[in-house]
Amino acid sequence: MKHKVYKYLCRIPRGKVVTYSQIASHLGNPKLARAVGNILHQNPDGEHIPCYKVVNCKGKLSTNYAFGGMEAQKHRLASEGIEVINGKVDLLKYQYKEENKP
């Protein structure tokens, strides 16, 4: 499952975010959102596997972002043009929506 999570994240376009439950749903079980979070926290390569693009179901950034905390996540999102206000992202504006699932 770990490799499927990382592979999915690498498909998320610049300027878009996904939620933990969105990844879990893509993998076939929306109840695995917590497992997705654990996998992301063990990300071996923060430069090539963009776990900074994952927020919770309300758009809130991760307080435990593995590569520098919430401020680092905010900075990486901002570098892609994603506005973060009070530690949150507007999901209506920035959430990735798949047109066609594979």
Protein backbone atom coordinates (compact mmCIF):
# COMPACT_ATOMS: atom_id res chain seq x y z
CA MET A 1 0.00 0.00 0.00
CA LYS A 2 2.89 2.34 0.76
CA HIS A 3 4.07 2.44 -2.84
CA LYS A 4 0.52 3.06 -4.11
CA VAL A 5 0.19 6.06 -1.79
CA TYR A 6 3.51 7.52 -2.98
CA LYS A 7 2.68 6.84 -6.64
CA TYR A 8 -0.70 8.57 -6.30
CA LEU A 9 0.87 11.62 -4.67
CA CYS A 10 3.31 12.00 -7.52
CA ARG A 11 0.33 12.40 -9.88
CA ILE A 12 -1.11 15.43 -8.07
CA PRO A 13 -0.59 18.49 -10.27
CA ARG A 14 1.16 21.65 -9.19
CA GLY A 15 -1.15 23.96 -7.27
CA LYS A 16 -3.44 21.20 -6.00
CA VAL A 17 -3.85 19.33 -2.70
CA VAL A 18 -5.52 16.09 -1.62
CA THR A 19 -6.86 14.84 1.69
CA TYR A 20 -5.89 11.73 3.62
CA SER A 21 -9.32 10.23 3.07
CA GLN A 22 -9.19 11.10 -0.62
CA ILE A 23 -6.03 9.04 -0.99
CA ALA A 24 -7.56 6.21 1.04
CA SER A 25 -10.69 6.29 -1.14
CA HIS A 26 -8.58 6.19 -4.28
CA LEU A 27 -6.94 3.06 -2.90
CA GLY A 28 -10.33 1.49 -2.27
CA ASN A 29 -11.04 2.06 1.42
CA PRO A 30 -11.86 5.55 2.78
CA LYS A 31 -11.53 4.23 6.33
CA LEU A 32 -7.76 3.91 5.88
CA ALA A 33 -7.11 7.66 6.13
CA ARG A 34 -5.17 7.23 9.39
CA ALA A 35 -3.01 4.53 7.77
CA VAL A 36 -2.30 6.90 4.89
CA GLY A 37 -1.15 9.51 7.42
CA ASN A 38 1.21 7.00 9.02
CA ILE A 39 2.65 6.09 5.62
CA LEU A 40 3.20 9.75 4.76
CA HIS A 41 4.94 10.36 8.07
CA GLN A 42 7.47 7.68 7.03
CA ASN A 43 8.05 9.22 3.59
CA PRO A 44 11.67 8.40 2.70
CA ASP A 45 12.02 11.15 0.08
CA GLY A 46 10.32 14.48 0.72
CA GLU A 47 11.86 16.02 -2.38
CA HIS A 48 10.34 13.56 -4.83
CA ILE A 49 7.24 12.33 -2.97
CA PRO A 50 5.17 15.48 -2.34
CA CYS A 51 3.53 14.65 0.98
CA TYR A 52 3.26 18.39 1.66
CA LYS A 53 0.25 18.34 -0.72
CA VAL A 54 -1.84 16.37 1.79
CA VAL A 55 -4.20 18.15 4.19
CA ASN A 56 -7.00 16.93 6.42
CA CYS A 57 -10.67 16.81 5.39
CA LYS A 58 -11.14 20.43 6.50
CA GLY A 59 -8.10 21.68 4.59
CA LYS A 60 -5.91 22.01 7.69
CA LEU A 61 -2.17 21.56 7.38
CA SER A 62 -0.35 18.85 9.31
CA THR A 63 1.08 19.87 12.68
CA ASN A 64 3.41 16.86 12.33
CA TYR A 65 4.63 17.44 8.78
CA ALA A 66 7.73 15.26 8.70
CA PHE A 67 9.95 17.68 6.79
CA GLY A 68 9.97 20.78 8.99
CA GLY A 69 6.53 21.12 10.53
CA MET A 70 3.53 23.19 9.54
CA GLU A 71 5.53 26.26 8.51
CA ALA A 72 7.61 24.22 6.06
CA GLN A 73 4.45 22.67 4.61
CA LYS A 74 2.90 26.13 4.28
CA HIS A 75 6.01 27.42 2.49
CA ARG A 76 6.04 24.49 0.03
CA LEU A 77 2.34 24.96 -0.75
CA ALA A 78 2.81 28.70 -1.20
CA SER A 79 5.64 28.03 -3.66
CA GLU A 80 2.99 26.35 -5.85
CA GLY A 81 0.59 29.28 -5.55
CA ILE A 82 -1.61 27.66 -2.90
CA GLU A 83 -2.86 30.21 -0.39
CA VAL A 84 -2.79 29.12 3.26
CA ILE A 85 -4.87 31.18 5.69
CA ASN A 86 -4.77 30.41 9.42
CA GLY A 87 -3.19 27.02 8.75
CA LYS A 88 -5.85 25.99 6.24
CA VAL A 89 -6.25 25.60 2.50
CA ASP A 90 -9.51 26.32 0.67
CA LEU A 91 -10.45 22.85 -0.58
CA LEU A 92 -13.08 24.24 -2.96
CA LYS A 93 -10.33 26.12 -4.73
CA TYR A 94 -7.29 23.85 -4.42
CA GLN A 95 -8.46 20.25 -3.98
CA TYR A 96 -7.49 17.91 -6.80
CA LYS A 97 -10.45 16.28 -8.48
CA GLU A 98 -9.87 13.27 -10.66
CA GLU A 99 -11.71 13.38 -13.95
CA ASN A 100 -11.46 9.67 -14.59
CA LYS A 101 -10.27 7.09 -12.12
CA PRO A 102 -7.95 4.47 -13.59
